[in-house]
Amino acid sequence: MNLAIAEGITMDTLLKKALDMRQYSHAPHSHFKVGSAILTADGTIYGGCNIESDVYGLTMCAERSAIFNAFSQGHRSFIAIAVATSTQGTPCGACRQIIAELCGNVTLYTTDLKGNIATYKAYDLIPHHFTLKHFTTIPYASKNHDFSI
């Protein structure tokens, strides 16, 4: 299925980039290679891969890697994200939060090595994601980070 998701860009293009990014994965502990690709509103595609650390909490997932890569280049508007694993896995909870928070209700495609594809919307994967936006209505607070959680 070669569904157009933006002018000149198909779902297959985004999925192929995610599959390609798996080769750069550093997964010496889990051996679970993940690649990701994010499509920005201007049609640029950024890739990411998972990078594991001996200190597990310092590990970076492929989805966040791609998103942070795009953010570091000044992008703030996104159309879709693709994730490629050997099992067609969906993003972890931390990645679901980042996707919903930073990318909004984008379309997310997952694929495996056999070409199986699933489609989700970000808010369906984490329907009640955490946000500080509702705190801005408190009269004595001038910034979101003025709050102690």
Protein backbone atom coordinates (compact mmCIF):
# COMPACT_ATOMS: atom_id res chain seq x y z
CA MET A 1 0.00 0.00 0.00
CA ASN A 2 1.59 3.25 -1.15
CA LEU A 3 -0.64 5.80 0.58
CA ALA A 4 0.29 9.47 0.02
CA ILE A 5 0.67 11.21 3.39
CA ALA A 6 2.11 14.51 2.13
CA GLU A 7 2.92 16.02 -1.23
CA GLY A 8 5.48 13.73 -2.85
CA ILE A 9 5.79 11.51 0.25
CA THR A 10 4.15 8.15 0.77
CA MET A 11 3.69 6.00 3.80
CA ASP A 12 6.10 3.51 2.18
CA THR A 13 8.81 6.20 1.98
CA LEU A 14 8.48 6.90 5.69
CA LEU A 15 8.39 3.20 6.59
CA LYS A 16 11.48 2.49 4.46
CA LYS A 17 13.37 5.24 6.27
CA ALA A 18 12.39 3.74 9.63
CA LEU A 19 13.48 0.28 8.48
CA ASP A 20 16.77 1.70 7.22
CA MET A 21 17.42 3.43 10.56
CA ARG A 22 17.41 0.05 12.35
CA GLN A 23 20.90 -0.62 10.98
CA TYR A 24 22.30 2.20 13.16
CA SER A 25 20.75 0.83 16.34
CA HIS A 26 23.05 0.11 19.29
CA ALA A 27 21.26 -2.61 21.25
CA PRO A 28 23.90 -4.78 22.95
CA HIS A 29 21.61 -5.67 25.87
CA SER A 30 18.16 -6.28 24.39
CA HIS A 31 19.24 -7.04 20.80
CA PHE A 32 15.94 -5.34 19.88
CA LYS A 33 16.73 -2.97 17.04
CA VAL A 34 14.29 -0.15 16.42
CA GLY A 35 14.26 2.47 13.69
CA SER A 36 12.02 5.47 13.42
CA ALA A 37 11.30 8.28 10.99
CA ILE A 38 9.30 11.47 11.46
CA LEU A 39 7.79 13.57 8.69
CA THR A 40 7.73 17.31 9.32
CA ALA A 41 5.10 19.68 7.96
CA ASP A 42 7.56 20.97 5.34
CA GLY A 43 8.18 17.45 4.01
CA THR A 44 11.54 16.78 5.67
CA ILE A 45 12.09 13.29 7.07
CA TYR A 46 14.34 12.78 10.09
CA GLY A 47 15.43 9.36 11.30
CA GLY A 48 16.28 7.92 14.66
CA CYS A 49 17.33 4.63 16.19
CA ASN A 50 17.47 3.17 19.67
CA ILE A 51 20.76 3.52 21.53
CA GLU A 52 21.14 1.44 24.68
CA SER A 53 23.35 2.30 27.62
CA ASP A 54 24.72 0.08 30.36
CA VAL A 55 22.76 2.42 32.62
CA TYR A 56 19.31 1.46 31.34
CA GLY A 57 17.68 4.78 32.25
CA LEU A 58 20.06 6.56 29.88
CA THR A 59 18.89 4.52 26.89
CA MET A 60 17.33 6.52 24.04
CA CYS A 61 14.43 5.08 22.09
CA ALA A 62 14.26 5.44 18.31
CA GLU A 63 11.06 7.48 18.38
CA ARG A 64 12.43 10.08 20.76
CA SER A 65 15.71 10.11 18.84
CA ALA A 66 13.90 11.03 15.61
CA ILE A 67 11.67 13.62 17.30
CA PHE A 68 14.56 15.28 19.13
CA ASN A 69 16.57 15.25 15.90
CA ALA A 70 13.77 17.15 14.13
CA PHE A 71 13.32 19.52 17.10
CA SER A 72 17.04 20.28 17.16
CA GLN A 73 16.71 21.46 13.56
CA GLY A 74 13.88 23.84 14.44
CA HIS A 75 10.84 21.80 13.42
CA ARG A 76 7.69 22.01 15.53
CA SER A 77 4.95 20.73 13.21
CA PHE A 78 4.68 17.08 12.22
CA ILE A 79 2.52 14.91 9.98
CA ALA A 80 3.45 11.30 10.76
CA ILE A 81 5.89 8.98 12.51
CA ALA A 82 6.96 5.49 11.45
CA VAL A 83 8.44 2.85 13.75
CA ALA A 84 10.13 -0.33 12.52
CA THR A 85 10.88 -3.33 14.74
CA SER A 86 11.18 -7.06 14.23
CA THR A 87 7.81 -7.54 15.95
CA GLN A 88 5.74 -4.53 14.78
CA GLY A 89 5.89 -3.20 18.33
CA THR A 90 4.31 0.08 19.35
CA PRO A 91 6.15 2.86 21.21
CA CYS A 92 6.86 2.56 24.93
CA GLY A 93 5.03 4.78 27.41
CA ALA A 94 7.76 7.44 27.51
CA CYS A 95 7.74 7.70 23.72
CA ARG A 96 3.94 7.83 23.63
CA GLN A 97 4.08 10.78 26.04
CA ILE A 98 6.70 12.62 23.96
CA ILE A 99 4.84 11.95 20.71
CA ALA A 100 1.54 13.25 22.12
CA GLU A 101 3.16 16.20 23.89
CA LEU A 102 5.51 17.39 21.15
CA CYS A 103 3.86 16.16 17.95
CA GLY A 104 0.16 16.25 18.79
CA ASN A 105 -2.28 13.69 17.44
CA VAL A 106 -0.08 12.62 14.53
CA THR A 107 -0.52 9.41 12.59
CA LEU A 108 1.83 6.65 13.66
CA TYR A 109 2.71 3.71 11.42
CA THR A 110 4.38 0.55 12.69
CA THR A 111 5.95 -2.17 10.61
CA ASP A 112 7.92 -5.36 11.03
CA LEU A 113 10.46 -7.16 8.87
CA LYS A 114 7.71 -9.01 6.99
CA GLY A 115 5.99 -5.84 5.80
CA ASN A 116 3.02 -5.95 8.17
CA ILE A 117 1.74 -2.43 8.82
CA ALA A 118 -0.53 -0.97 11.48
CA THR A 119 -1.80 2.61 11.77
CA TYR A 120 -2.60 4.49 14.96
CA LYS A 121 -3.30 8.04 16.08
CA ALA A 122 -1.06 9.30 18.89
CA TYR A 123 -3.91 10.13 21.25
CA ASP A 124 -5.35 6.63 20.85
CA LEU A 125 -2.08 5.17 22.14
CA ILE A 126 -2.03 7.48 25.17
CA PRO A 127 -5.50 9.02 25.50
CA HIS A 128 -4.84 10.95 28.72
CA HIS A 129 -1.23 12.05 28.30
CA PHE A 130 0.26 14.28 30.97
CA THR A 131 0.36 18.01 30.27
CA LEU A 132 1.01 21.16 32.25
CA LYS A 133 -1.15 23.25 29.90
CA HIS A 134 -4.16 23.19 32.22
CA PHE A 135 -2.01 24.64 35.03
CA THR A 136 -1.56 27.97 33.22
CA THR A 137 -5.00 29.08 34.44
CA ILE A 138 -3.83 29.27 38.06
CA PRO A 139 -3.71 33.03 38.83
CA TYR A 140 -0.47 33.13 40.86
CA ALA A 141 1.62 31.19 38.37
CA SER A 142 3.38 32.94 35.53
CA LYS A 143 5.04 29.91 33.92
CA ASN A 144 4.35 26.19 33.68
CA HIS A 145 7.56 25.34 35.53
CA ASP A 146 6.52 27.39 38.57
CA PHE A 147 4.69 24.33 39.81
CA SER A 148 5.94 21.58 42.04
CA ILE A 149 4.49 18.24 41.14
